[in-house]
Each structure stands twice: as structure tokens, then as C-alpha cells.
PDB file of N, CA and C in Angstrom:
ATOM      1  N   MET A   1     136.294  83.828 298.278  1.00  0.00           N
ATOM      2  CA  MET A   1     137.657  84.146 297.870  1.00  0.00           C
ATOM      3  C   MET A   1     138.333  85.044 298.893  1.00  0.00           C
ATOM      4  N   SER A   2     137.592  86.016 299.435  1.00  0.00           N
ATOM      5  CA  SER A   2     138.223  86.924 300.383  1.00  0.00           C
ATOM      6  C   SER A   2     138.607  86.204 301.673  1.00  0.00           C
ATOM      7  N   LYS A   3     137.783  85.258 302.121  1.00  0.00           N
ATOM      8  CA  LYS A   3     138.122  84.493 303.318  1.00  0.00           C
ATOM      9  C   LYS A   3     139.372  83.644 303.074  1.00  0.00           C
ATOM     10  N   HIS A   4     139.435  83.008 301.906  1.00  0.00           N
ATOM     11  CA  HIS A   4     140.600  82.203 301.554  1.00  0.00           C
ATOM     12  C   HIS A   4     141.841  83.077 301.509  1.00  0.00           C
ATOM     13  N   ARG A   5     141.731  84.251 300.915  1.00  0.00           N
ATOM     14  CA  ARG A   5     142.874  85.161 300.821  1.00  0.00           C
ATOM     15  C   ARG A   5     143.342  85.589 302.211  1.00  0.00           C
ATOM     16  N   GLU A   6     142.412  85.890 303.106  1.00  0.00           N
ATOM     17  CA  GLU A   6     142.777  86.304 304.464  1.00  0.00           C
ATOM     18  C   GLU A   6     143.524  85.204 305.203  1.00  0.00           C
ATOM     19  N   THR A   7     143.064  83.973 305.059  1.00  0.00           N
ATOM     20  CA  THR A   7     143.671  82.873 305.806  1.00  0.00           C
ATOM     21  C   THR A   7     144.962  82.356 305.175  1.00  0.00           C
ATOM     22  N   HIS A   8     145.174  82.609 303.897  1.00  0.00           N
ATOM     23  CA  HIS A   8     146.363  82.115 303.190  1.00  0.00           C
ATOM     24  C   HIS A   8     147.174  83.255 302.576  1.00  0.00           C
ATOM     25  N   LEU A   9     147.172  84.408 303.191  1.00  0.00           N
ATOM     26  CA  LEU A   9     147.764  85.605 302.605  1.00  0.00           C
ATOM     27  C   LEU A   9     149.251  85.437 302.293  1.00  0.00           C
ATOM     28  N   GLU A  10     150.017  84.911 303.228  1.00  0.00           N
ATOM     29  CA  GLU A  10     151.457  84.759 302.998  1.00  0.00           C
ATOM     30  C   GLU A  10     151.751  83.789 301.859  1.00  0.00           C
ATOM     31  N   GLU A  11     150.990  82.716 301.776  1.00  0.00           N
ATOM     32  CA  GLU A  11     151.181  81.751 300.683  1.00  0.00           C
ATOM     33  C   GLU A  11     150.879  82.403 299.334  1.00  0.00           C
ATOM     34  N   ILE A  12     149.824  83.180 299.288  1.00  0.00           N
ATOM     35  CA  ILE A  12     149.428  83.853 298.041  1.00  0.00           C
ATOM     36  C   ILE A  12     150.483  84.877 297.637  1.00  0.00           C
ATOM     37  N   ARG A  13     150.985  85.645 298.605  1.00  0.00           N
ATOM     38  CA  ARG A  13     152.020  86.628 298.297  1.00  0.00           C
ATOM     39  C   ARG A  13     153.296  85.955 297.795  1.00  0.00           C
ATOM     40  N   ALA A  14     153.672  84.846 298.417  1.00  0.00           N
ATOM     41  CA  ALA A  14     154.861  84.111 297.980  1.00  0.00           C
ATOM     42  C   ALA A  14     154.672  83.605 296.549  1.00  0.00           C
ATOM     43  N   TYR A  15     153.490  83.090 296.256  1.00  0.00           N
ATOM     44  CA  TYR A  15     153.175  82.611 294.905  1.00  0.00           C
ATOM     45  C   TYR A  15     153.268  83.766 293.908  1.00  0.00           C
ATOM     46  N   ASP A  16     152.697  84.926 294.255  1.00  0.00           N
ATOM     47  CA  ASP A  16     152.731  86.081 293.363  1.00  0.00           C
ATOM     48  C   ASP A  16     154.162  86.564 293.117  1.00  0.00           C
ATOM     49  N   ARG A  17     154.989  86.552 294.174  1.00  0.00           N
ATOM     50  CA  ARG A  17     156.383  86.971 294.012  1.00  0.00           C
ATOM     51  C   ARG A  17     157.126  86.036 293.060  1.00  0.00           C
ATOM     52  N   GLU A  18     156.915  84.748 293.206  1.00  0.00           N
ATOM     53  CA  GLU A  18     157.566  83.773 292.321  1.00  0.00           C
ATOM     54  C   GLU A  18     157.067  83.918 290.884  1.00  0.00           C
ATOM     55  N   ARG A  19     155.769  84.132 290.738  1.00  0.00           N
ATOM     56  CA  ARG A  19     155.190  84.274 289.400  1.00  0.00           C
ATOM     57  C   ARG A  19     155.730  85.525 288.710  1.00  0.00           C
ATOM     58  N   ALA A  20     155.980  86.578 289.484  1.00  0.00           N
ATOM     59  CA  ALA A  20     156.498  87.821 288.905  1.00  0.00           C
ATOM     60  C   ALA A  20     157.914  87.651 288.367  1.00  0.00           C
ATOM     61  N   LYS A  21     158.618  86.624 288.816  1.00  0.00           N
ATOM     62  CA  LYS A  21     159.984  86.373 288.371  1.00  0.00           C
ATOM     63  C   LYS A  21     160.058  85.643 287.028  1.00  0.00           C
ATOM     64  N   LEU A  22     158.932  85.158 286.530  1.00  0.00           N
ATOM     65  CA  LEU A  22     158.921  84.438 285.259  1.00  0.00           C
ATOM     66  C   LEU A  22     159.337  85.372 284.122  1.00  0.00           C
ATOM     67  N   PRO A  23     160.099  84.863 283.162  1.00  0.00           N
ATOM     68  CA  PRO A  23     160.634  85.718 282.091  1.00  0.00           C
ATOM     69  C   PRO A  23     159.577  86.499 281.317  1.00  0.00           C
ATOM     70  N   HIS A  24     158.461  85.857 280.984  1.00  0.00           N
ATOM     71  CA  HIS A  24     157.444  86.573 280.204  1.00  0.00           C
ATOM     72  C   HIS A  24     156.766  87.665 281.036  1.00  0.00           C
ATOM     73  N   ARG A  25     156.668  87.476 282.344  1.00  0.00           N
ATOM     74  CA  ARG A  25     156.088  88.511 283.208  1.00  0.00           C
ATOM     75  C   ARG A  25     157.048  89.684 283.374  1.00  0.00           C
ATOM     76  N   LYS A  26     158.342  89.402 283.501  1.00  0.00           N
ATOM     77  CA  LYS A  26     159.337  90.474 283.580  1.00  0.00           C
ATOM     78  C   LYS A  26     159.344  91.293 282.301  1.00  0.00           C
ATOM     79  N   ALA A  27     159.289  90.604 281.170  1.00  0.00           N
ATOM     80  CA  ALA A  27     159.294  91.296 279.872  1.00  0.00           C
ATOM     81  C   ALA A  27     158.053  92.172 279.731  1.00  0.00           C
ATOM     82  N   ASN A  28     156.916  91.661 280.167  1.00  0.00           N
ATOM     83  CA  ASN A  28     155.678  92.432 280.089  1.00  0.00           C
ATOM     84  C   ASN A  28     155.757  93.673 280.978  1.00  0.00           C
ATOM     85  N   SER A  29     156.304  93.520 282.157  1.00  0.00           N
ATOM     86  CA  SER A  29     156.448  94.641 283.077  1.00  0.00           C
ATOM     87  C   SER A  29     157.365  95.715 282.488  1.00  0.00           C
ATOM     88  N   ARG A  30     158.490  95.284 281.901  1.00  0.00           N
ATOM     89  CA  ARG A  30     159.405  96.233 281.265  1.00  0.00           C
ATOM     90  C   ARG A  30     158.727  96.966 280.113  1.00  0.00           C
ATOM     91  N   ARG A  31     157.937  96.232 279.325  1.00  0.00           N
ATOM     92  CA  ARG A  31     157.248  96.838 278.181  1.00  0.00           C
ATOM     93  C   ARG A  31     156.257  97.895 278.649  1.00  0.00           C
ATOM     94  N   ILE A  32     155.501  97.579 279.680  1.00  0.00           N
ATOM     95  CA  ILE A  32     154.511  98.525 280.198  1.00  0.00           C
ATOM     96  C   ILE A  32     155.195  99.772 280.751  1.00  0.00           C
ATOM     97  N   ASN A  33     156.271  99.583 281.524  1.00  0.00           N
ATOM     98  CA  ASN A  33     156.985 100.728 282.090  1.00  0.00           C
ATOM     99  C   ASN A  33     157.639 101.581 281.016  1.00  0.00           C
ATOM    100  N   ALA A  34     158.210 100.953 279.999  1.00  0.00           N
ATOM    101  CA  ALA A  34     158.828 101.707 278.914  1.00  0.00           C
ATOM    102  C   ALA A  34     157.790 102.530 278.167  1.00  0.00           C
ATOM    103  N   LYS A  35     156.628 101.944 277.955  1.00  0.00           N
ATOM    104  CA  LYS A  35     155.549 102.654 277.272  1.00  0.00           C
ATOM    105  C   LYS A  35     155.116 103.873 278.085  1.00  0.00           C
ATOM    106  N   ARG A  36     154.959 103.694 279.396  1.00  0.00           N
ATOM    107  CA  ARG A  36     154.548 104.793 280.269  1.00  0.00           C
ATOM    108  C   ARG A  36     155.599 105.888 280.274  1.00  0.00           C
ATOM    109  N   ASN A  37     156.877 105.500 280.299  1.00  0.00           N
ATOM    110  CA  ASN A  37     157.955 106.487 280.325  1.00  0.00           C
ATOM    111  C   ASN A  37     157.934 107.378 279.090  1.00  0.00           C
ATOM    112  N   HIS A  38     157.538 106.819 277.950  1.00  0.00           N
ATOM    113  CA  HIS A  38     157.499 107.603 276.718  1.00  0.00           C
ATOM    114  C   HIS A  38     156.194 108.365 276.549  1.00  0.00           C
ATOM    115  N   GLU A  39     155.112 107.852 277.085  1.00  0.00           N
ATOM    116  CA  GLU A  39     153.806 108.492 276.904  1.00  0.00           C
ATOM    117  C   GLU A  39     153.621 109.717 277.785  1.00  0.00           C
ATOM    118  N   VAL A  40     154.145 109.667 279.004  1.00  0.00           N
ATOM    119  CA  VAL A  40     153.924 110.743 279.954  1.00  0.00           C
ATOM    120  C   VAL A  40     155.187 111.590 280.032  1.00  0.00           C
ATOM    121  N   ASP A  41     155.079 112.826 279.574  1.00  0.00           N
ATOM    122  CA  ASP A  41     156.219 113.726 279.553  1.00  0.00           C
ATOM    123  C   ASP A  41     156.652 114.074 280.977  1.00  0.00           C
ATOM    124  N   GLY A  42     157.905 113.846 281.291  1.00  0.00           N
ATOM    125  CA  GLY A  42     158.438 114.173 282.604  1.00  0.00           C
ATOM    126  C   GLY A  42     158.253 113.096 283.652  1.00  0.00           C
ATOM    127  N   TYR A  43     157.664 111.965 283.283  1.00  0.00           N
ATOM    128  CA  TYR A  43     157.366 110.888 284.245  1.00  0.00           C
ATOM    129  C   TYR A  43     158.635 110.389 284.931  1.00  0.00           C
ATOM    130  N   ARG A  44     159.601 109.934 284.163  1.00  0.00           N
ATOM    131  CA  ARG A  44     160.820 109.357 284.733  1.00  0.00           C
ATOM    132  C   ARG A  44     161.626 110.423 285.469  1.00  0.00           C
ATOM    133  N   LYS A  45     161.720 111.614 284.894  1.00  0.00           N
ATOM    134  CA  LYS A  45     162.480 112.700 285.512  1.00  0.00           C
ATOM    135  C   LYS A  45     161.916 113.031 286.892  1.00  0.00           C
ATOM    136  N   SER A  46     160.600 113.113 287.003  1.00  0.00           N
ATOM    137  CA  SER A  46     159.967 113.446 288.278  1.00  0.00           C
ATOM    138  C   SER A  46     160.176 112.366 289.314  1.00  0.00           C
ATOM    139  N   HIS A  47     160.042 111.112 288.916  1.00  0.00           N
ATOM    140  CA  HIS A  47     160.216 110.013 289.864  1.00  0.00           C
ATOM    141  C   HIS A  47     161.654 109.951 290.373  1.00  0.00           C
ATOM    142  N   ASN A  48     162.607 110.104 289.480  1.00  0.00           N
ATOM    143  CA  ASN A  48     164.009 110.075 289.901  1.00  0.00           C
ATOM    144  C   ASN A  48     164.341 111.257 290.800  1.00  0.00           C
ATOM    145  N   ALA A  49     163.824 112.432 290.465  1.00  0.00           N
ATOM    146  CA  ALA A  49     164.098 113.629 291.266  1.00  0.00           C
ATOM    147  C   ALA A  49     163.515 113.502 292.666  1.00  0.00           C
ATOM    148  N   SER A  50     162.314 112.959 292.770  1.00  0.00           N
ATOM    149  CA  SER A  50     161.706 112.826 294.100  1.00  0.00           C
ATOM    150  C   SER A  50     162.441 111.767 294.930  1.00  0.00           C
ATOM    151  N   LYS A  51     162.897 110.689 294.292  1.00  0.00           N
ATOM    152  CA  LYS A  51     163.675 109.678 295.022  1.00  0.00           C
ATOM    153  C   LYS A  51     164.968 110.281 295.552  1.00  0.00           C
ATOM    154  N   ARG A  52     165.662 111.057 294.716  1.00  0.00           N
ATOM    155  CA  ARG A  52     166.907 111.688 295.153  1.00  0.00           C
ATOM    156  C   ARG A  52     166.639 112.690 296.272  1.00  0.00           C
ATOM    157  N   ALA A  53     165.545 113.423 296.185  1.00  0.00           N
ATOM    158  CA  ALA A  53     165.205 114.415 297.211  1.00  0.00           C
ATOM    159  C   ALA A  53     164.926 113.743 298.554  1.00  0.00           C
ATOM    160  N   VAL A  54     164.303 112.575 298.539  1.00  0.00           N
ATOM    161  CA  VAL A  54     164.049 111.834 299.781  1.00  0.00           C
ATOM    162  C   VAL A  54     165.372 111.375 300.384  1.00  0.00           C
ATOM    163  N   VAL A  55     166.276 110.862 299.556  1.00  0.00           N
ATOM    164  CA  VAL A  55     167.571 110.389 300.040  1.00  0.00           C
ATOM    165  C   VAL A  55     168.373 111.545 300.639  1.00  0.00           C
ATOM    166  N   ARG A  56     168.336 112.698 299.988  1.00  0.00           N
ATOM    167  CA  ARG A  56     169.075 113.867 300.465  1.00  0.00           C
ATOM    168  C   ARG A  56     168.433 114.527 301.687  1.00  0.00           C
ATOM    169  N   GLY A  57     167.172 114.207 301.933  1.00  0.00           N
ATOM    170  CA  GLY A  57     166.473 114.832 303.052  1.00  0.00           C
ATOM    171  C   GLY A  57     165.749 116.114 302.668  1.00  0.00           C
ATOM    172  N   GLU A  58     165.693 116.430 301.385  1.00  0.00           N
ATOM    173  CA  GLU A  58     165.002 117.628 300.909  1.00  0.00           C
ATOM    174  C   GLU A  58     163.496 117.423 300.879  1.00  0.00           C
ATOM    175  N   LEU A  59     163.081 116.175 300.816  1.00  0.00           N
ATOM    176  CA  LEU A  59     161.668 115.803 300.774  1.00  0.00           C
ATOM    177  C   LEU A  59     161.468 114.684 301.784  1.00  0.00           C
ATOM    178  N   THR A  60     160.442 114.819 302.605  1.00  0.00           N
ATOM    179  CA  THR A  60     160.208 113.826 303.650  1.00  0.00           C
ATOM    180  C   THR A  60     159.032 112.942 303.280  1.00  0.00           C
ATOM    181  N   ARG A  61     159.291 111.639 303.264  1.00  0.00           N
ATOM    182  CA  ARG A  61     158.228 110.677 302.992  1.00  0.00           C
ATOM    183  C   ARG A  61     157.351 110.573 304.232  1.00  0.00           C
ATOM    184  N   SER A  62     156.060 110.685 304.043  1.00  0.00           N
ATOM    185  CA  SER A  62     155.126 110.540 305.146  1.00  0.00           C
ATOM    186  C   SER A  62     154.951 109.060 305.479  1.00  0.00           C
ATOM    187  N   ASN A  63     154.749 108.752 306.735  1.00  0.00           N
ATOM    188  CA  ASN A  63     154.471 107.376 307.156  1.00  0.00           C
ATOM    189  C   ASN A  63     152.975 107.117 307.238  1.00  0.00           C
ATOM    190  N   VAL A  64     152.182 108.111 306.821  1.00  0.00           N
ATOM    191  CA  VAL A  64     150.730 108.021 306.886  1.00  0.00           C
ATOM    192  C   VAL A  64     150.158 108.468 305.546  1.00  0.00           C
ATOM    193  N   CYS A  65     149.198 107.721 305.013  1.00  0.00           N
ATOM    194  CA  CYS A  65     148.528 108.085 303.766  1.00  0.00           C
ATOM    195  C   CYS A  65     147.806 109.420 303.944  1.00  0.00           C
ATOM    196  N   GLN A  66     147.984 110.336 303.002  1.00  0.00           N
ATOM    197  CA  GLN A  66     147.358 111.650 303.096  1.00  0.00           C
ATOM    198  C   GLN A  66     145.876 111.618 302.729  1.00  0.00           C
ATOM    199  N   VAL A  67     145.377 110.487 302.273  1.00  0.00           N
ATOM    200  CA  VAL A  67     143.955 110.372 301.943  1.00  0.00           C
ATOM    201  C   VAL A  67     143.195 109.660 303.043  1.00  0.00           C
ATOM    202  N   CYS A  68     143.622 108.441 303.378  1.00  0.00           N
ATOM    203  CA  CYS A  68     142.854 107.637 304.341  1.00  0.00           C
ATOM    204  C   CYS A  68     143.432 107.676 305.756  1.00  0.00           C
ATOM    205  N   GLY A  69     144.669 108.171 305.903  1.00  0.00           N
ATOM    206  CA  GLY A  69     145.270 108.272 307.219  1.00  0.00           C
ATOM    207  C   GLY A  69     145.865 106.980 307.747  1.00  0.00           C
ATOM    208  N   LYS A  70     145.947 105.958 306.903  1.00  0.00           N
ATOM    209  CA  LYS A  70     146.478 104.655 307.323  1.00  0.00           C
ATOM    210  C   LYS A  70     147.997 104.734 307.462  1.00  0.00           C
ATOM    211  N   PRO A  71     148.539 104.289 308.615  1.00  0.00           N
ATOM    212  CA  PRO A  71     149.994 104.258 308.750  1.00  0.00           C
ATOM    213  C   PRO A  71     150.578 103.126 307.903  1.00  0.00           C
ATOM    214  N   CYS A  72     151.547 103.452 307.050  1.00  0.00           N
ATOM    215  CA  CYS A  72     152.127 102.461 306.145  1.00  0.00           C
ATOM    216  C   CYS A  72     153.350 103.057 305.468  1.00  0.00           C
ATOM    217  N   LYS A  73     154.007 102.266 304.629  1.00  0.00           N
ATOM    218  CA  LYS A  73     155.060 102.791 303.767  1.00  0.00           C
ATOM    219  C   LYS A  73     154.351 103.375 302.545  1.00  0.00           C
ATOM    220  N   THR A  74     154.392 104.668 302.415  1.00  0.00           N
ATOM    221  CA  THR A  74     153.614 105.351 301.386  1.00  0.00           C
ATOM    222  C   THR A  74     154.341 105.384 300.049  1.00  0.00           C
ATOM    223  N   GLU A  75     153.553 105.661 299.004  1.00  0.00           N
ATOM    224  CA  GLU A  75     154.068 105.826 297.647  1.00  0.00           C
ATOM    225  C   GLU A  75     153.828 107.276 297.248  1.00  0.00           C
ATOM    226  N   GLY A  76     154.740 107.829 296.491  1.00  0.00           N
ATOM    227  CA  GLY A  76     154.586 109.206 296.044  1.00  0.00           C
ATOM    228  C   GLY A  76     153.737 109.282 294.784  1.00  0.00           C
ATOM    229  N   HIS A  77     152.722 110.144 294.820  1.00  0.00           N
ATOM    230  CA  HIS A  77     151.894 110.391 293.634  1.00  0.00           C
ATOM    231  C   HIS A  77     152.210 111.796 293.142  1.00  0.00           C
ATOM    232  N   HIS A  78     152.702 111.907 291.911  1.00  0.00           N
ATOM    233  CA  HIS A  78     153.015 113.212 291.335  1.00  0.00           C
ATOM    234  C   HIS A  78     151.766 113.800 290.700  1.00  0.00           C
ATOM    235  N   TYR A  79     151.330 114.913 291.201  1.00  0.00           N
ATOM    236  CA  TYR A  79     150.155 115.561 290.610  1.00  0.00           C
ATOM    237  C   TYR A  79     150.558 116.562 289.535  1.00  0.00           C
ATOM    238  N   ASP A  80     151.850 116.881 289.448  1.00  0.00           N
ATOM    239  CA  ASP A  80     152.338 117.772 288.404  1.00  0.00           C
ATOM    240  C   ASP A  80     153.765 117.358 288.063  1.00  0.00           C
ATOM    241  N   TYR A  81     153.970 116.758 286.894  1.00  0.00           N
ATOM    242  CA  TYR A  81     155.293 116.277 286.514  1.00  0.00           C
ATOM    243  C   TYR A  81     156.266 117.419 286.216  1.00  0.00           C
ATOM    244  N   ASN A  82     155.762 118.619 286.013  1.00  0.00           N
ATOM    245  CA  ASN A  82     156.646 119.759 285.784  1.00  0.00           C
ATOM    246  C   ASN A  82     157.283 120.246 287.085  1.00  0.00           C
ATOM    247  N   LYS A  83     156.672 119.907 288.207  1.00  0.00           N
ATOM    248  CA  LYS A  83     157.228 120.228 289.519  1.00  0.00           C
ATOM    249  C   LYS A  83     157.688 118.898 290.112  1.00  0.00           C
ATOM    250  N   CYS A  84     158.971 118.632 290.000  1.00  0.00           N
ATOM    251  CA  CYS A  84     159.510 117.305 290.333  1.00  0.00           C
ATOM    252  C   CYS A  84     159.250 116.880 291.773  1.00  0.00           C
ATOM    253  N   LYS A  85     159.165 117.825 292.675  1.00  0.00           N
ATOM    254  CA  LYS A  85     158.968 117.473 294.080  1.00  0.00           C
ATOM    255  C   LYS A  85     157.532 117.674 294.530  1.00  0.00           C
ATOM    256  N   SER A  86     156.621 117.765 293.578  1.00  0.00           N
ATOM    257  CA  SER A  86     155.193 117.918 293.898  1.00  0.00           C
ATOM    258  C   SER A  86     154.588 116.531 294.104  1.00  0.00           C
ATOM    259  N   VAL A  87     154.635 116.060 295.351  1.00  0.00           N
ATOM    260  CA  VAL A  87     154.257 114.690 295.659  1.00  0.00           C
ATOM    261  C   VAL A  87     153.191 114.670 296.742  1.00  0.00           C
ATOM    262  N   ILE A  88     152.209 113.789 296.566  1.00  0.00           N
ATOM    263  CA  ILE A  88     151.240 113.487 297.608  1.00  0.00           C
ATOM    264  C   ILE A  88     151.511 112.050 298.018  1.00  0.00           C
ATOM    265  N   TRP A  89     151.633 111.802 299.324  1.00  0.00           N
ATOM    266  CA  TRP A  89     151.983 110.471 299.820  1.00  0.00           C
ATOM    267  C   TRP A  89     150.723 109.656 300.050  1.00  0.00           C
ATOM    268  N   LEU A  90     150.620 108.526 299.330  1.00  0.00           N
ATOM    269  CA  LEU A  90     149.445 107.672 299.386  1.00  0.00           C
ATOM    270  C   LEU A  90     149.830 106.240 299.738  1.00  0.00           C
ATOM    271  N   CYS A  91     148.904 105.538 300.403  1.00  0.00           N
ATOM    272  CA  CYS A  91     149.106 104.102 300.612  1.00  0.00           C
ATOM    273  C   CYS A  91     148.898 103.410 299.263  1.00  0.00           C
ATOM    274  N   THR A  92     149.336 102.178 299.168  1.00  0.00           N
ATOM    275  CA  THR A  92     149.233 101.439 297.906  1.00  0.00           C
ATOM    276  C   THR A  92     147.790 101.354 297.432  1.00  0.00           C
ATOM    277  N   GLN A  93     146.867 101.109 298.363  1.00  0.00           N
ATOM    278  CA  GLN A  93     145.453 100.968 297.984  1.00  0.00           C
ATOM    279  C   GLN A  93     144.894 102.272 297.422  1.00  0.00           C
ATOM    280  N   CYS A  94     145.133 103.383 298.109  1.00  0.00           N
ATOM    281  CA  CYS A  94     144.613 104.671 297.621  1.00  0.00           C
ATOM    282  C   CYS A  94     145.258 105.050 296.290  1.00  0.00           C
ATOM    283  N   HIS A  95     146.558 104.774 296.136  1.00  0.00           N
ATOM    284  CA  HIS A  95     147.242 105.107 294.893  1.00  0.00           C
ATOM    285  C   HIS A  95     146.659 104.305 293.735  1.00  0.00           C
ATOM    286  N   ARG A  96     146.414 103.025 293.977  1.00  0.00           N
ATOM    287  CA  ARG A  96     145.825 102.176 292.946  1.00  0.00           C
ATOM    288  C   ARG A  96     144.402 102.640 292.626  1.00  0.00           C
ATOM    289  N   GLN A  97     143.648 102.974 293.683  1.00  0.00           N
ATOM    290  CA  GLN A  97     142.272 103.461 293.487  1.00  0.00           C
ATOM    291  C   GLN A  97     142.290 104.736 292.646  1.00  0.00           C
ATOM    292  N   TYR A  98     143.230 105.632 292.922  1.00  0.00           N
ATOM    293  CA  TYR A  98     143.304 106.889 292.181  1.00  0.00           C
ATOM    294  C   TYR A  98     143.474 106.627 290.685  1.00  0.00           C
ATOM    295  N   HIS A  99     144.351 105.702 290.348  1.00  0.00           N
ATOM    296  CA  HIS A  99     144.644 105.473 288.940  1.00  0.00           C
ATOM    297  C   HIS A  99     143.615 104.603 288.221  1.00  0.00           C
ATOM    298  N   THR A 100     142.907 103.744 288.930  1.00  0.00           N
ATOM    299  CA  THR A 100     141.890 102.934 288.259  1.00  0.00           C
ATOM    300  C   THR A 100     140.610 103.730 288.080  1.00  0.00           C
ATOM    301  N   GLY A 101     140.147 104.372 289.130  1.00  0.00           N
ATOM    302  CA  GLY A 101     139.018 105.294 289.048  1.00  0.00           C
ATOM    303  C   GLY A 101     137.695 104.706 288.625  1.00  0.00           C
ATOM    304  N   LYS A 102     137.396 103.456 288.987  1.00  0.00           N
ATOM    305  CA  LYS A 102     136.164 102.831 288.513  1.00  0.00           C
ATOM    306  C   LYS A 102     135.105 102.652 289.592  1.00  0.00           C
ATOM    307  N   THR A 103     135.461 102.813 290.851  1.00  0.00           N
ATOM    308  CA  THR A 103     134.493 102.606 291.927  1.00  0.00           C
ATOM    309  C   THR A 103     134.163 103.938 292.592  1.00  0.00           C
ATOM    310  N   GLU A 104     133.182 103.918 293.453  1.00  0.00           N
ATOM    311  CA  GLU A 104     132.823 105.126 294.195  1.00  0.00           C
ATOM    312  C   GLU A 104     133.980 105.564 295.091  1.00  0.00           C
ATOM    313  N   ARG A 105     134.635 104.582 295.717  1.00  0.00           N
ATOM    314  CA  ARG A 105     135.773 104.908 296.578  1.00  0.00           C
ATOM    315  C   ARG A 105     136.891 105.536 295.758  1.00  0.00           C
ATOM    316  N   ALA A 106     137.114 105.030 294.551  1.00  0.00           N
ATOM    317  CA  ALA A 106     138.156 105.580 293.687  1.00  0.00           C
ATOM    318  C   ALA A 106     137.843 107.032 293.329  1.00  0.00           C
ATOM    319  N   LYS A 107     136.594 107.320 293.063  1.00  0.00           N
ATOM    320  CA  LYS A 107     136.201 108.705 292.739  1.00  0.00           C
ATOM    321  C   LYS A 107     136.406 109.617 293.938  1.00  0.00           C
ATOM    322  N   LEU A 108     136.132 109.100 295.132  1.00  0.00           N
ATOM    323  CA  LEU A 108     136.352 109.872 296.352  1.00  0.00           C
ATOM    324  C   LEU A 108     137.844 110.131 296.560  1.00  0.00           C
ATOM    325  N   VAL A 109     138.668 109.109 296.352  1.00  0.00           N
ATOM    326  CA  VAL A 109     140.117 109.262 296.476  1.00  0.00           C
ATOM    327  C   VAL A 109     140.606 110.307 295.478  1.00  0.00           C
ATOM    328  N   GLN A 110     140.117 110.259 294.242  1.00  0.00           N
ATOM    329  CA  GLN A 110     140.512 111.231 293.228  1.00  0.00           C
ATOM    330  C   GLN A 110     140.137 112.649 293.641  1.00  0.00           C
ATOM    331  N   GLN A 111     138.951 112.820 294.197  1.00  0.00           N
ATOM    332  CA  GLN A 111     138.529 114.147 294.654  1.00  0.00           C
ATOM    333  C   GLN A 111     139.442 114.667 295.759  1.00  0.00           C
ATOM    334  N   ILE A 112     139.761 113.805 296.718  1.00  0.00           N
ATOM    335  CA  ILE A 112     140.616 114.209 297.832  1.00  0.00           C
ATOM    336  C   ILE A 112     142.010 114.577 297.329  1.00  0.00           C
ATOM    337  N   VAL A 113     142.583 113.733 296.467  1.00  0.00           N
ATOM    338  CA  VAL A 113     143.922 114.002 295.928  1.00  0.00           C
ATOM    339  C   VAL A 113     143.921 115.300 295.129  1.00  0.00           C
ATOM    340  N   ASN A 114     142.911 115.506 294.322  1.00  0.00           N
ATOM    341  CA  ASN A 114     142.842 116.736 293.528  1.00  0.00           C
ATOM    342  C   ASN A 114     142.708 117.967 294.416  1.00  0.00           C
ATOM    343  N   THR A 115     141.967 117.856 295.511  1.00  0.00           N
ATOM    344  CA  THR A 115     141.829 118.966 296.457  1.00  0.00           C
ATOM    345  C   THR A 115     143.168 119.261 297.119  1.00  0.00           C
ATOM    346  N   ILE A 116     143.879 118.212 297.554  1.00  0.00           N
ATOM    347  CA  ILE A 116     145.202 118.400 298.164  1.00  0.00           C
ATOM    348  C   ILE A 116     146.151 119.055 297.161  1.00  0.00           C
ATOM    349  N   ALA A 117     146.112 118.610 295.903  1.00  0.00           N
ATOM    350  CA  ALA A 117     146.976 119.173 294.865  1.00  0.00           C
ATOM    351  C   ALA A 117     146.678 120.657 294.660  1.00  0.00           C
ATOM    352  N   GLU A 118     145.400 121.023 294.637  1.00  0.00           N
ATOM    353  CA  GLU A 118     145.032 122.440 294.481  1.00  0.00           C
ATOM    354  C   GLU A 118     145.560 123.265 295.642  1.00  0.00           C
ATOM    355  N   LEU A 119     145.423 122.744 296.860  1.00  0.00           N
ATOM    356  CA  LEU A 119     145.902 123.460 298.036  1.00  0.00           C
ATOM    357  C   LEU A 119     147.421 123.596 298.010  1.00  0.00           C
ATOM    358  N   LYS A 120     148.128 122.560 297.579  1.00  0.00           N
ATOM    359  CA  LYS A 120     149.579 122.638 297.494  1.00  0.00           C
ATOM    360  C   LYS A 120     150.008 123.633 296.413  1.00  0.00           C
ATOM    361  N   ASN A 121     149.274 123.674 295.304  1.00  0.00           N
ATOM    362  CA  ASN A 121     149.593 124.630 294.238  1.00  0.00           C
ATOM    363  C   ASN A 121     149.403 126.062 294.713  1.00  0.00           C
ATOM    364  N   LYS A 122     148.442 126.274 295.585  1.00  0.00           N
ATOM    365  CA  LYS A 122     148.201 127.616 296.142  1.00  0.00           C
ATOM    366  C   LYS A 122     149.099 127.860 297.346  1.00  0.00           C
ATOM    367  N   GLU A 123     149.921 126.854 297.698  1.00  0.00           N
ATOM    368  CA  GLU A 123     150.844 126.901 298.825  1.00  0.00           C
ATOM    369  C   GLU A 123     150.131 127.151 300.154  1.00  0.00           C
ATOM    370  N   VAL A 124     148.935 126.583 300.266  1.00  0.00           N
ATOM    371  CA  VAL A 124     148.192 126.664 301.537  1.00  0.00           C
ATOM    372  C   VAL A 124     148.746 125.623 302.497  1.00  0.00           C
ATOM    373  N   ILE A 125     149.114 124.430 301.969  1.00  0.00           N
ATOM    374  CA  ILE A 125     149.707 123.380 302.821  1.00  0.00           C
ATOM    375  C   ILE A 125     151.076 123.004 302.307  1.00  0.00           C
TER     376      ILE A 125
END
């Protein structure tokens, strides 16, 4: 499967993009996001605040993952929703690994992110 995915990556991505446009998939995505917005206090507020801060130039998005060092378009991970601009910049893979937490690599990513969060809370970095 991995060899097939490597050789047909663009076709697979195009298929996934089209599949995501299906009405039942859009509805499911909205349902999941709405549930998360209500379950996690401050989730939406923090995400909107960090997006606005990046646009204004108050917060700088890193072009490198703070965990693995891979150059990419990073995603912001909020380690404290009460501090709207408390963001660690992660690549998509590390961010997904952090939230799934089922493999050894995921546990390592979680440890690194938690260490960075502690250092930022102490204002060391």
C-alpha cells in the first residue's frame, strides 16, 4: 500500500479532495467541529485570536516544525486555551501524532510538545 501511495500520490489526493466535497462528509465534518467547539472551553476563541494575531503580525508562524524540524507550512497547536497566543508550530504529521497518541513516536512528540509548553510558560523561550 505504501508503494502504491508513493507512486500515485497526486491521484489519491485528488480523490480525497473530491470525496471530502460529498454532502454527507461535509455534514460529518461540521458535526465533529461543532462538537469540539462546545466540548473544549476557549477552543474557538483561541484559534480565531491566533489567526488574527498572525495576520496583524503580532504572532509569527514558523516555517519549520518545532518538534521534528521539517520545513513546511506549520499548524498552530494551543497548549493553553486561556492564553490565546500560546502556540507551538507543528507540521501536520507531528500535530496529528500529538492528538492520536497511540504509537511510540506519538508519545515522543507529546513529550517534546509538553516540554516546549513548560518552557514557554516559564518564559524561557
